[in-house]
Amino acid sequence: SSVLSYMTDGVIATDRKGRIILINEPAAKMLDVSRETVLSEPI
């Protein structure tokens, strides 16, 4: 969590079906989305 929080790059993780299970703050800002609303959405 510390690494993901302080990374300047955006990181997105999915499950084996391509649904988003993790997105860090830089990635949410880059894509201009809310972290809570994109969880479980196909990448």
PDB file of all heavy atoms in Angstrom:
ATOM      1  N   SER A   1       0.829  -1.204   0.000  1.00  0.00           N
ATOM      2  CA  SER A   1       0.000   0.000   0.000  1.00  0.00           C
ATOM      3  C   SER A   1       0.863   1.252   0.000  1.00  0.00           C
ATOM      4  O   SER A   1       0.561   2.228  -0.696  1.00  0.00           O
ATOM      5  CB  SER A   1      -0.921  -0.011   1.224  1.00  0.00           C
ATOM      6  OG  SER A   1      -1.686   1.152   1.275  1.00  0.00           O
ATOM      7  N   SER A   2       1.962   1.219   0.786  1.00  0.00           N
ATOM      8  CA  SER A   2       2.857   2.373   0.823  1.00  0.00           C
ATOM      9  C   SER A   2       3.512   2.588  -0.533  1.00  0.00           C
ATOM     10  O   SER A   2       3.613   3.723  -1.017  1.00  0.00           O
ATOM     11  CB  SER A   2       3.923   2.154   1.907  1.00  0.00           C
ATOM     12  OG  SER A   2       4.832   3.220   1.935  1.00  0.00           O
ATOM     13  N   VAL A   3       3.945   1.489  -1.146  1.00  0.00           N
ATOM     14  CA  VAL A   3       4.589   1.595  -2.467  1.00  0.00           C
ATOM     15  C   VAL A   3       3.611   2.157  -3.488  1.00  0.00           C
ATOM     16  O   VAL A   3       3.926   3.062  -4.263  1.00  0.00           O
ATOM     17  CB  VAL A   3       5.120   0.216  -2.906  1.00  0.00           C
ATOM     18  CG1 VAL A   3       5.554   0.263  -4.367  1.00  0.00           C
ATOM     19  CG2 VAL A   3       6.296  -0.208  -2.029  1.00  0.00           C
ATOM     20  N   LEU A   4       2.353   1.592  -3.487  1.00  0.00           N
ATOM     21  CA  LEU A   4       1.361   2.038  -4.459  1.00  0.00           C
ATOM     22  C   LEU A   4       0.964   3.491  -4.232  1.00  0.00           C
ATOM     23  O   LEU A   4       0.701   4.235  -5.174  1.00  0.00           O
ATOM     24  CB  LEU A   4       0.120   1.144  -4.381  1.00  0.00           C
ATOM     25  CG  LEU A   4       0.298  -0.294  -4.865  1.00  0.00           C
ATOM     26  CD1 LEU A   4      -0.985  -1.081  -4.675  1.00  0.00           C
ATOM     27  CD2 LEU A   4       0.710  -0.342  -6.332  1.00  0.00           C
ATOM     28  N   SER A   5       0.912   3.903  -2.938  1.00  0.00           N
ATOM     29  CA  SER A   5       0.502   5.272  -2.633  1.00  0.00           C
ATOM     30  C   SER A   5       1.513   6.295  -3.093  1.00  0.00           C
ATOM     31  O   SER A   5       1.160   7.384  -3.545  1.00  0.00           O
ATOM     32  CB  SER A   5       0.248   5.418  -1.127  1.00  0.00           C
ATOM     33  OG  SER A   5      -0.786   4.560  -0.707  1.00  0.00           O
ATOM     34  N   TYR A   6       2.799   5.960  -2.958  1.00  0.00           N
ATOM     35  CA  TYR A   6       3.844   6.926  -3.281  1.00  0.00           C
ATOM     36  C   TYR A   6       4.376   6.785  -4.701  1.00  0.00           C
ATOM     37  O   TYR A   6       5.292   7.506  -5.089  1.00  0.00           O
ATOM     38  CB  TYR A   6       4.981   6.811  -2.275  1.00  0.00           C
ATOM     39  CG  TYR A   6       4.607   7.328  -0.903  1.00  0.00           C
ATOM     40  CD1 TYR A   6       4.245   6.460   0.114  1.00  0.00           C
ATOM     41  CD2 TYR A   6       4.574   8.694  -0.646  1.00  0.00           C
ATOM     42  CE1 TYR A   6       3.872   6.925   1.369  1.00  0.00           C
ATOM     43  CE2 TYR A   6       4.206   9.167   0.606  1.00  0.00           C
ATOM     44  CZ  TYR A   6       3.862   8.290   1.610  1.00  0.00           C
ATOM     45  OH  TYR A   6       3.491   8.744   2.832  1.00  0.00           O
ATOM     46  N   MET A   7       3.833   5.838  -5.443  1.00  0.00           N
ATOM     47  CA  MET A   7       4.234   5.716  -6.842  1.00  0.00           C
ATOM     48  C   MET A   7       3.642   6.864  -7.655  1.00  0.00           C
ATOM     49  O   MET A   7       2.497   7.268  -7.444  1.00  0.00           O
ATOM     50  CB  MET A   7       3.750   4.383  -7.431  1.00  0.00           C
ATOM     51  CG  MET A   7       4.561   3.173  -7.027  1.00  0.00           C
ATOM     52  SD  MET A   7       3.953   1.673  -7.829  1.00  0.00           S
ATOM     53  CE  MET A   7       4.336   2.025  -9.540  1.00  0.00           C
ATOM     54  N   THR A   8       4.425   7.382  -8.535  1.00  0.00           N
ATOM     55  CA  THR A   8       3.902   8.417  -9.438  1.00  0.00           C
ATOM     56  C   THR A   8       3.177   7.797 -10.617  1.00  0.00           C
ATOM     57  O   THR A   8       2.354   8.456 -11.257  1.00  0.00           O
ATOM     58  CB  THR A   8       5.055   9.295  -9.964  1.00  0.00           C
ATOM     59  OG1 THR A   8       6.038   8.456 -10.602  1.00  0.00           O
ATOM     60  CG2 THR A   8       5.711  10.055  -8.821  1.00  0.00           C
ATOM     61  N   ASP A   9       3.491   6.539 -10.906  1.00  0.00           N
ATOM     62  CA  ASP A   9       2.814   5.839 -11.991  1.00  0.00           C
ATOM     63  C   ASP A   9       1.502   5.245 -11.473  1.00  0.00           C
ATOM     64  O   ASP A   9       1.364   4.920 -10.300  1.00  0.00           O
ATOM     65  CB  ASP A   9       3.684   4.708 -12.546  1.00  0.00           C
ATOM     66  CG  ASP A   9       4.928   5.244 -13.232  1.00  0.00           C
ATOM     67  OD1 ASP A   9       4.864   6.373 -13.739  1.00  0.00           O
ATOM     68  OD2 ASP A   9       5.948   4.543 -13.234  1.00  0.00           O
ATOM     69  N   GLY A  10       0.554   5.102 -12.380  1.00  0.00           N
ATOM     70  CA  GLY A  10      -0.716   4.491 -12.019  1.00  0.00           C
ATOM     71  C   GLY A  10      -0.626   2.980 -12.100  1.00  0.00           C
ATOM     72  O   GLY A  10       0.002   2.431 -13.017  1.00  0.00           O
ATOM     73  N   VAL A  11      -1.249   2.292 -11.157  1.00  0.00           N
ATOM     74  CA  VAL A  11      -1.241   0.826 -11.117  1.00  0.00           C
ATOM     75  C   VAL A  11      -2.676   0.338 -10.996  1.00  0.00           C
ATOM     76  O   VAL A  11      -3.437   0.812 -10.148  1.00  0.00           O
ATOM     77  CB  VAL A  11      -0.406   0.293  -9.929  1.00  0.00           C
ATOM     78  CG1 VAL A  11      -0.457  -1.231  -9.892  1.00  0.00           C
ATOM     79  CG2 VAL A  11       1.031   0.753 -10.038  1.00  0.00           C
ATOM     80  N   ILE A  12      -3.023  -0.623 -11.856  1.00  0.00           N
ATOM     81  CA  ILE A  12      -4.356  -1.237 -11.835  1.00  0.00           C
ATOM     82  C   ILE A  12      -4.169  -2.747 -11.829  1.00  0.00           C
ATOM     83  O   ILE A  12      -3.389  -3.278 -12.627  1.00  0.00           O
ATOM     84  CB  ILE A  12      -5.202  -0.817 -13.055  1.00  0.00           C
ATOM     85  CG1 ILE A  12      -5.301   0.710 -13.141  1.00  0.00           C
ATOM     86  CG2 ILE A  12      -6.589  -1.435 -12.992  1.00  0.00           C
ATOM     87  CD1 ILE A  12      -5.968   1.199 -14.415  1.00  0.00           C
ATOM     88  N   ALA A  13      -4.874  -3.447 -10.937  1.00  0.00           N
ATOM     89  CA  ALA A  13      -4.822  -4.912 -10.875  1.00  0.00           C
ATOM     90  C   ALA A  13      -6.216  -5.471 -11.136  1.00  0.00           C
ATOM     91  O   ALA A  13      -7.224  -4.894 -10.725  1.00  0.00           O
ATOM     92  CB  ALA A  13      -4.310  -5.377  -9.509  1.00  0.00           C
ATOM     93  N   THR A  14      -6.268  -6.594 -11.851  1.00  0.00           N
ATOM     94  CA  THR A  14      -7.552  -7.235 -12.158  1.00  0.00           C
ATOM     95  C   THR A  14      -7.538  -8.679 -11.675  1.00  0.00           C
ATOM     96  O   THR A  14      -6.477  -9.234 -11.368  1.00  0.00           O
ATOM     97  CB  THR A  14      -7.837  -7.222 -13.668  1.00  0.00           C
ATOM     98  OG1 THR A  14      -6.957  -8.170 -14.319  1.00  0.00           O
ATOM     99  CG2 THR A  14      -7.615  -5.853 -14.259  1.00  0.00           C
ATOM    100  N   ASP A  15      -8.734  -9.277 -11.632  1.00  0.00           N
ATOM    101  CA  ASP A  15      -8.824 -10.710 -11.359  1.00  0.00           C
ATOM    102  C   ASP A  15      -8.683 -11.460 -12.678  1.00  0.00           C
ATOM    103  O   ASP A  15      -8.402 -10.858 -13.726  1.00  0.00           O
ATOM    104  CB  ASP A  15     -10.139 -11.047 -10.647  1.00  0.00           C
ATOM    105  CG  ASP A  15     -11.368 -10.661 -11.473  1.00  0.00           C
ATOM    106  OD1 ASP A  15     -11.201 -10.362 -12.679  1.00  0.00           O
ATOM    107  OD2 ASP A  15     -12.481 -10.651 -10.922  1.00  0.00           O
ATOM    108  N   ARG A  16      -8.873 -12.764 -12.627  1.00  0.00           N
ATOM    109  CA  ARG A  16      -8.627 -13.576 -13.836  1.00  0.00           C
ATOM    110  C   ARG A  16      -9.682 -13.354 -14.924  1.00  0.00           C
ATOM    111  O   ARG A  16      -9.510 -13.813 -16.052  1.00  0.00           O
ATOM    112  CB  ARG A  16      -8.570 -15.060 -13.473  1.00  0.00           C
ATOM    113  CG  ARG A  16      -9.813 -15.611 -12.823  1.00  0.00           C
ATOM    114  CD  ARG A  16      -9.595 -17.033 -12.324  1.00  0.00           C
ATOM    115  NE  ARG A  16     -10.766 -17.596 -11.705  1.00  0.00           N
ATOM    116  CZ  ARG A  16     -11.718 -18.252 -12.349  1.00  0.00           C
ATOM    117  NH1 ARG A  16     -11.625 -18.407 -13.663  1.00  0.00           N
ATOM    118  NH2 ARG A  16     -12.760 -18.747 -11.721  1.00  0.00           N
ATOM    119  N   LYS A  17     -10.787 -12.662 -14.585  1.00  0.00           N
ATOM    120  CA  LYS A  17     -11.804 -12.367 -15.580  1.00  0.00           C
ATOM    121  C   LYS A  17     -11.700 -10.941 -16.114  1.00  0.00           C
ATOM    122  O   LYS A  17     -12.542 -10.509 -16.894  1.00  0.00           O
ATOM    123  CB  LYS A  17     -13.205 -12.589 -14.986  1.00  0.00           C
ATOM    124  CG  LYS A  17     -13.491 -14.052 -14.673  1.00  0.00           C
ATOM    125  CD  LYS A  17     -14.918 -14.231 -14.188  1.00  0.00           C
ATOM    126  CE  LYS A  17     -15.212 -15.706 -13.916  1.00  0.00           C
ATOM    127  NZ  LYS A  17     -16.611 -15.898 -13.439  1.00  0.00           N
ATOM    128  N   GLY A  18     -10.668 -10.227 -15.678  1.00  0.00           N
ATOM    129  CA  GLY A  18     -10.458  -8.875 -16.183  1.00  0.00           C
ATOM    130  C   GLY A  18     -11.198  -7.806 -15.428  1.00  0.00           C
ATOM    131  O   GLY A  18     -11.244  -6.655 -15.872  1.00  0.00           O
ATOM    132  N   ARG A  19     -11.789  -8.152 -14.279  1.00  0.00           N
ATOM    133  CA  ARG A  19     -12.481  -7.149 -13.458  1.00  0.00           C
ATOM    134  C   ARG A  19     -11.485  -6.491 -12.504  1.00  0.00           C
ATOM    135  O   ARG A  19     -10.663  -7.169 -11.906  1.00  0.00           O
ATOM    136  CB  ARG A  19     -13.631  -7.777 -12.680  1.00  0.00           C
ATOM    137  CG  ARG A  19     -14.751  -8.323 -13.576  1.00  0.00           C
ATOM    138  CD  ARG A  19     -15.915  -8.773 -12.706  1.00  0.00           C
ATOM    139  NE  ARG A  19     -15.531  -9.902 -11.887  1.00  0.00           N
ATOM    140  CZ  ARG A  19     -15.881 -11.152 -12.126  1.00  0.00           C
ATOM    141  NH1 ARG A  19     -16.626 -11.444 -13.173  1.00  0.00           N
ATOM    142  NH2 ARG A  19     -15.503 -12.134 -11.324  1.00  0.00           N
ATOM    143  N   ILE A  20     -11.597  -5.175 -12.339  1.00  0.00           N
ATOM    144  CA  ILE A  20     -10.647  -4.408 -11.528  1.00  0.00           C
ATOM    145  C   ILE A  20     -10.849  -4.728 -10.052  1.00  0.00           C
ATOM    146  O   ILE A  20     -11.960  -4.657  -9.530  1.00  0.00           O
ATOM    147  CB  ILE A  20     -10.821  -2.905 -11.780  1.00  0.00           C
ATOM    148  CG1 ILE A  20     -10.486  -2.583 -13.250  1.00  0.00           C
ATOM    149  CG2 ILE A  20      -9.936  -2.086 -10.845  1.00  0.00           C
ATOM    150  CD1 ILE A  20     -10.839  -1.182 -13.658  1.00  0.00           C
ATOM    151  N   ILE A  21      -9.747  -5.090  -9.366  1.00  0.00           N
ATOM    152  CA  ILE A  21      -9.797  -5.354  -7.927  1.00  0.00           C
ATOM    153  C   ILE A  21      -8.946  -4.364  -7.149  1.00  0.00           C
ATOM    154  O   ILE A  21      -9.076  -4.286  -5.930  1.00  0.00           O
ATOM    155  CB  ILE A  21      -9.345  -6.801  -7.616  1.00  0.00           C
ATOM    156  CG1 ILE A  21      -7.912  -7.040  -8.125  1.00  0.00           C
ATOM    157  CG2 ILE A  21     -10.307  -7.800  -8.204  1.00  0.00           C
ATOM    158  CD1 ILE A  21      -7.346  -8.399  -7.760  1.00  0.00           C
ATOM    159  N   LEU A  22      -8.085  -3.597  -7.836  1.00  0.00           N
ATOM    160  CA  LEU A  22      -7.238  -2.614  -7.152  1.00  0.00           C
ATOM    161  C   LEU A  22      -6.857  -1.523  -8.127  1.00  0.00           C
ATOM    162  O   LEU A  22      -6.542  -1.789  -9.295  1.00  0.00           O
ATOM    163  CB  LEU A  22      -5.984  -3.300  -6.601  1.00  0.00           C
ATOM    164  CG  LEU A  22      -4.993  -2.426  -5.818  1.00  0.00           C
ATOM    165  CD1 LEU A  22      -4.363  -3.229  -4.693  1.00  0.00           C
ATOM    166  CD2 LEU A  22      -3.892  -1.897  -6.729  1.00  0.00           C
ATOM    167  N   ILE A  23      -6.894  -0.291  -7.650  1.00  0.00           N
ATOM    168  CA  ILE A  23      -6.442   0.850  -8.443  1.00  0.00           C
ATOM    169  C   ILE A  23      -5.888   1.882  -7.472  1.00  0.00           C
ATOM    170  O   ILE A  23      -6.535   2.222  -6.483  1.00  0.00           O
ATOM    171  CB  ILE A  23      -7.589   1.436  -9.300  1.00  0.00           C
ATOM    172  CG1 ILE A  23      -7.094   2.655 -10.096  1.00  0.00           C
ATOM    173  CG2 ILE A  23      -8.810   1.763  -8.467  1.00  0.00           C
ATOM    174  CD1 ILE A  23      -8.091   3.145 -11.120  1.00  0.00           C
ATOM    175  N   ASN A  24      -4.650   2.362  -7.724  1.00  0.00           N
ATOM    176  CA  ASN A  24      -4.064   3.327  -6.790  1.00  0.00           C
ATOM    177  C   ASN A  24      -4.493   4.754  -7.160  1.00  0.00           C
ATOM    178  O   ASN A  24      -5.105   4.997  -8.213  1.00  0.00           O
ATOM    179  CB  ASN A  24      -2.547   3.183  -6.723  1.00  0.00           C
ATOM    180  CG  ASN A  24      -1.869   3.603  -8.014  1.00  0.00           C
ATOM    181  OD1 ASN A  24      -2.508   3.763  -9.051  1.00  0.00           O
ATOM    182  ND2 ASN A  24      -0.569   3.784  -7.969  1.00  0.00           N
ATOM    183  N   GLU A  25      -4.175   5.679  -6.285  1.00  0.00           N
ATOM    184  CA  GLU A  25      -4.633   7.057  -6.454  1.00  0.00           C
ATOM    185  C   GLU A  25      -4.100   7.710  -7.727  1.00  0.00           C
ATOM    186  O   GLU A  25      -4.863   8.388  -8.435  1.00  0.00           O
ATOM    187  CB  GLU A  25      -4.241   7.885  -5.220  1.00  0.00           C
ATOM    188  CG  GLU A  25      -4.936   9.227  -5.124  1.00  0.00           C
ATOM    189  CD  GLU A  25      -6.423   9.107  -4.964  1.00  0.00           C
ATOM    190  OE1 GLU A  25      -6.892   8.127  -4.358  1.00  0.00           O
ATOM    191  OE2 GLU A  25      -7.137  10.009  -5.466  1.00  0.00           O
ATOM    192  N   PRO A  26      -2.799   7.540  -8.057  1.00  0.00           N
ATOM    193  CA  PRO A  26      -2.334   8.147  -9.318  1.00  0.00           C
ATOM    194  C   PRO A  26      -3.100   7.647 -10.538  1.00  0.00           C
ATOM    195  O   PRO A  26      -3.402   8.434 -11.444  1.00  0.00           O
ATOM    196  CB  PRO A  26      -0.851   7.743  -9.366  1.00  0.00           C
ATOM    197  CG  PRO A  26      -0.466   7.563  -7.939  1.00  0.00           C
ATOM    198  CD  PRO A  26      -1.672   6.997  -7.278  1.00  0.00           C
ATOM    199  N   ALA A  27      -3.416   6.346 -10.569  1.00  0.00           N
ATOM    200  CA  ALA A  27      -4.168   5.809 -11.710  1.00  0.00           C
ATOM    201  C   ALA A  27      -5.565   6.417 -11.760  1.00  0.00           C
ATOM    202  O   ALA A  27      -6.074   6.749 -12.842  1.00  0.00           O
ATOM    203  CB  ALA A  27      -4.249   4.289 -11.622  1.00  0.00           C
ATOM    204  N   ALA A  28      -6.223   6.553 -10.598  1.00  0.00           N
ATOM    205  CA  ALA A  28      -7.563   7.156 -10.563  1.00  0.00           C
ATOM    206  C   ALA A  28      -7.523   8.601 -11.050  1.00  0.00           C
ATOM    207  O   ALA A  28      -8.428   9.054 -11.765  1.00  0.00           O
ATOM    208  CB  ALA A  28      -8.120   7.076  -9.138  1.00  0.00           C
ATOM    209  N   LYS A  29      -6.465   9.332 -10.670  1.00  0.00           N
ATOM    210  CA  LYS A  29      -6.345  10.725 -11.123  1.00  0.00           C
ATOM    211  C   LYS A  29      -6.063  10.787 -12.614  1.00  0.00           C
ATOM    212  O   LYS A  29      -6.589  11.644 -13.330  1.00  0.00           O
ATOM    213  CB  LYS A  29      -5.238  11.426 -10.349  1.00  0.00           C
ATOM    214  CG  LYS A  29      -5.591  11.709  -8.892  1.00  0.00           C
ATOM    215  CD  LYS A  29      -4.465  12.446  -8.180  1.00  0.00           C
ATOM    216  CE  LYS A  29      -4.841  12.753  -6.731  1.00  0.00           C
ATOM    217  NZ  LYS A  29      -3.735  13.452  -6.013  1.00  0.00           N
ATOM    218  N   MET A  30      -5.187   9.885 -13.109  1.00  0.00           N
ATOM    219  CA  MET A  30      -4.874   9.892 -14.540  1.00  0.00           C
ATOM    220  C   MET A  30      -6.117   9.650 -15.392  1.00  0.00           C
ATOM    221  O   MET A  30      -6.293  10.263 -16.450  1.00  0.00           O
ATOM    222  CB  MET A  30      -3.836   8.805 -14.846  1.00  0.00           C
ATOM    223  CG  MET A  30      -2.433   9.112 -14.370  1.00  0.00           C
ATOM    224  SD  MET A  30      -1.319   7.755 -14.790  1.00  0.00           S
ATOM    225  CE  MET A  30       0.221   8.331 -14.054  1.00  0.00           C
ATOM    226  N   LEU A  31      -6.980   8.725 -14.926  1.00  0.00           N
ATOM    227  CA  LEU A  31      -8.167   8.367 -15.699  1.00  0.00           C
ATOM    228  C   LEU A  31      -9.386   9.181 -15.286  1.00  0.00           C
ATOM    229  O   LEU A  31     -10.468   8.991 -15.850  1.00  0.00           O
ATOM    230  CB  LEU A  31      -8.455   6.876 -15.536  1.00  0.00           C
ATOM    231  CG  LEU A  31      -7.334   5.939 -16.021  1.00  0.00           C
ATOM    232  CD1 LEU A  31      -7.646   4.501 -15.642  1.00  0.00           C
ATOM    233  CD2 LEU A  31      -7.150   6.051 -17.530  1.00  0.00           C
ATOM    234  N   ASP A  32      -9.212  10.072 -14.272  1.00  0.00           N
ATOM    235  CA  ASP A  32     -10.280  10.937 -13.802  1.00  0.00           C
ATOM    236  C   ASP A  32     -11.523  10.125 -13.405  1.00  0.00           C
ATOM    237  O   ASP A  32     -12.639  10.355 -13.889  1.00  0.00           O
ATOM    238  CB  ASP A  32     -10.653  11.962 -14.879  1.00  0.00           C
ATOM    239  CG  ASP A  32     -11.546  13.073 -14.302  1.00  0.00           C
ATOM    240  OD1 ASP A  32     -11.526  13.272 -13.077  1.00  0.00           O
ATOM    241  OD2 ASP A  32     -12.278  13.715 -15.092  1.00  0.00           O
ATOM    242  N   VAL A  33     -11.299   9.135 -12.524  1.00  0.00           N
ATOM    243  CA  VAL A  33     -12.389   8.286 -12.046  1.00  0.00           C
ATOM    244  C   VAL A  33     -12.290   8.179 -10.529  1.00  0.00           C
ATOM    245  O   VAL A  33     -11.274   8.519  -9.923  1.00  0.00           O
ATOM    246  CB  VAL A  33     -12.334   6.877 -12.672  1.00  0.00           C
ATOM    247  CG1 VAL A  33     -12.575   6.939 -14.163  1.00  0.00           C
ATOM    248  CG2 VAL A  33     -11.006   6.182 -12.364  1.00  0.00           C
ATOM    249  N   SER A  34     -13.351   7.691  -9.929  1.00  0.00           N
ATOM    250  CA  SER A  34     -13.372   7.419  -8.495  1.00  0.00           C
ATOM    251  C   SER A  34     -12.977   5.975  -8.255  1.00  0.00           C
ATOM    252  O   SER A  34     -13.446   5.076  -8.959  1.00  0.00           O
ATOM    253  CB  SER A  34     -14.770   7.678  -7.926  1.00  0.00           C
ATOM    254  OG  SER A  34     -14.855   7.221  -6.593  1.00  0.00           O
ATOM    255  N   ARG A  35     -12.120   5.753  -7.267  1.00  0.00           N
ATOM    256  CA  ARG A  35     -11.634   4.398  -6.997  1.00  0.00           C
ATOM    257  C   ARG A  35     -12.775   3.461  -6.629  1.00  0.00           C
ATOM    258  O   ARG A  35     -12.760   2.281  -6.987  1.00  0.00           O
ATOM    259  CB  ARG A  35     -10.599   4.420  -5.870  1.00  0.00           C
ATOM    260  CG  ARG A  35      -9.346   5.202  -6.221  1.00  0.00           C
ATOM    261  CD  ARG A  35      -8.448   5.394  -5.014  1.00  0.00           C
ATOM    262  NE  ARG A  35      -7.907   4.147  -4.540  1.00  0.00           N
ATOM    263  CZ  ARG A  35      -7.131   4.036  -3.473  1.00  0.00           C
ATOM    264  NH1 ARG A  35      -6.816   5.114  -2.772  1.00  0.00           N
ATOM    265  NH2 ARG A  35      -6.655   2.872  -3.101  1.00  0.00           N
ATOM    266  N   GLU A  36     -13.792   3.977  -5.925  1.00  0.00           N
ATOM    267  CA  GLU A  36     -14.877   3.115  -5.476  1.00  0.00           C
ATOM    268  C   GLU A  36     -15.782   2.696  -6.636  1.00  0.00           C
ATOM    269  O   GLU A  36     -16.311   1.579  -6.643  1.00  0.00           O
ATOM    270  CB  GLU A  36     -15.726   3.834  -4.418  1.00  0.00           C
ATOM    271  CG  GLU A  36     -15.025   4.053  -3.080  1.00  0.00           C
ATOM    272  CD  GLU A  36     -13.993   5.166  -3.137  1.00  0.00           C
ATOM    273  OE1 GLU A  36     -14.035   5.957  -4.106  1.00  0.00           O
ATOM    274  OE2 GLU A  36     -13.140   5.234  -2.233  1.00  0.00           O
ATOM    275  N   THR A  37     -15.968   3.567  -7.618  1.00  0.00           N
ATOM    276  CA  THR A  37     -16.923   3.282  -8.694  1.00  0.00           C
ATOM    277  C   THR A  37     -16.365   2.346  -9.762  1.00  0.00           C
ATOM    278  O   THR A  37     -17.139   1.707 -10.474  1.00  0.00           O
ATOM    279  CB  THR A  37     -17.372   4.586  -9.366  1.00  0.00           C
ATOM    280  OG1 THR A  37     -16.217   5.278  -9.870  1.00  0.00           O
ATOM    281  CG2 THR A  37     -18.101   5.468  -8.380  1.00  0.00           C
ATOM    282  N   VAL A  38     -15.036   2.247  -9.888  1.00  0.00           N
ATOM    283  CA  VAL A  38     -14.463   1.427 -10.961  1.00  0.00           C
ATOM    284  C   VAL A  38     -14.158   0.010 -10.522  1.00  0.00           C
ATOM    285  O   VAL A  38     -13.844  -0.831 -11.365  1.00  0.00           O
ATOM    286  CB  VAL A  38     -13.178   2.070 -11.525  1.00  0.00           C
ATOM    287  CG1 VAL A  38     -13.476   3.424 -12.102  1.00  0.00           C
ATOM    288  CG2 VAL A  38     -12.102   2.165 -10.456  1.00  0.00           C
ATOM    289  N   LEU A  39     -14.228  -0.274  -9.230  1.00  0.00           N
ATOM    290  CA  LEU A  39     -13.969  -1.643  -8.775  1.00  0.00           C
ATOM    291  C   LEU A  39     -15.004  -2.578  -9.378  1.00  0.00           C
ATOM    292  O   LEU A  39     -16.199  -2.283  -9.434  1.00  0.00           O
ATOM    293  CB  LEU A  39     -13.999  -1.726  -7.248  1.00  0.00           C
ATOM    294  CG  LEU A  39     -12.879  -0.974  -6.520  1.00  0.00           C
ATOM    295  CD1 LEU A  39     -13.054  -1.082  -5.011  1.00  0.00           C
ATOM    296  CD2 LEU A  39     -11.509  -1.508  -6.928  1.00  0.00           C
ATOM    297  N   SER A  40     -14.541  -3.743  -9.843  1.00  0.00           N
ATOM    298  CA  SER A  40     -15.362  -4.778 -10.513  1.00  0.00           C
ATOM    299  C   SER A  40     -15.712  -4.403 -11.951  1.00  0.00           C
ATOM    300  O   SER A  40     -16.375  -5.177 -12.647  1.00  0.00           O
ATOM    301  CB  SER A  40     -16.640  -5.085  -9.729  1.00  0.00           C
ATOM    302  OG  SER A  40     -16.327  -5.571  -8.440  1.00  0.00           O
ATOM    303  N   GLU A  41     -15.283  -3.236 -12.426  1.00  0.00           N
ATOM    304  CA  GLU A  41     -15.532  -2.869 -13.823  1.00  0.00           C
ATOM    305  C   GLU A  41     -14.468  -3.518 -14.718  1.00  0.00           C
ATOM    306  O   GLU A  41     -13.308  -3.599 -14.333  1.00  0.00           O
ATOM    307  CB  GLU A  41     -15.478  -1.346 -13.980  1.00  0.00           C
ATOM    308  CG  GLU A  41     -15.769  -0.874 -15.396  1.00  0.00           C
ATOM    309  CD  GLU A  41     -15.680   0.643 -15.530  1.00  0.00           C
ATOM    310  OE1 GLU A  41     -15.659   1.316 -14.495  1.00  0.00           O
ATOM    311  OE2 GLU A  41     -15.613   1.133 -16.669  1.00  0.00           O
ATOM    312  N   PRO A  42     -14.838  -4.002 -15.905  1.00  0.00           N
ATOM    313  CA  PRO A  42     -13.830  -4.586 -16.813  1.00  0.00           C
ATOM    314  C   PRO A  42     -12.781  -3.542 -17.192  1.00  0.00           C
ATOM    315  O   PRO A  42     -13.106  -2.388 -17.480  1.00  0.00           O
ATOM    316  CB  PRO A  42     -14.667  -5.005 -18.026  1.00  0.00           C
ATOM    317  CG  PRO A  42     -16.052  -5.181 -17.498  1.00  0.00           C
ATOM    318  CD  PRO A  42     -16.206  -4.162 -16.406  1.00  0.00           C
ATOM    319  N   ILE A  43     -11.522  -3.954 -17.211  1.00  0.00           N
ATOM    320  CA  ILE A  43     -10.427  -3.011 -17.463  1.00  0.00           C
ATOM    321  C   ILE A  43     -10.458  -2.481 -18.890  1.00  0.00           C
ATOM    322  O   ILE A  43     -10.083  -1.332 -19.134  1.00  0.00           O
ATOM    323  CB  ILE A  43      -9.072  -3.672 -17.146  1.00  0.00           C
ATOM    324  CG1 ILE A  43      -7.963  -2.600 -17.176  1.00  0.00           C
ATOM    325  CG2 ILE A  43      -8.763  -4.816 -18.095  1.00  0.00           C
ATOM    326  CD1 ILE A  43      -6.642  -3.083 -16.640  1.00  0.00           C
TER     327      ILE A  43
END
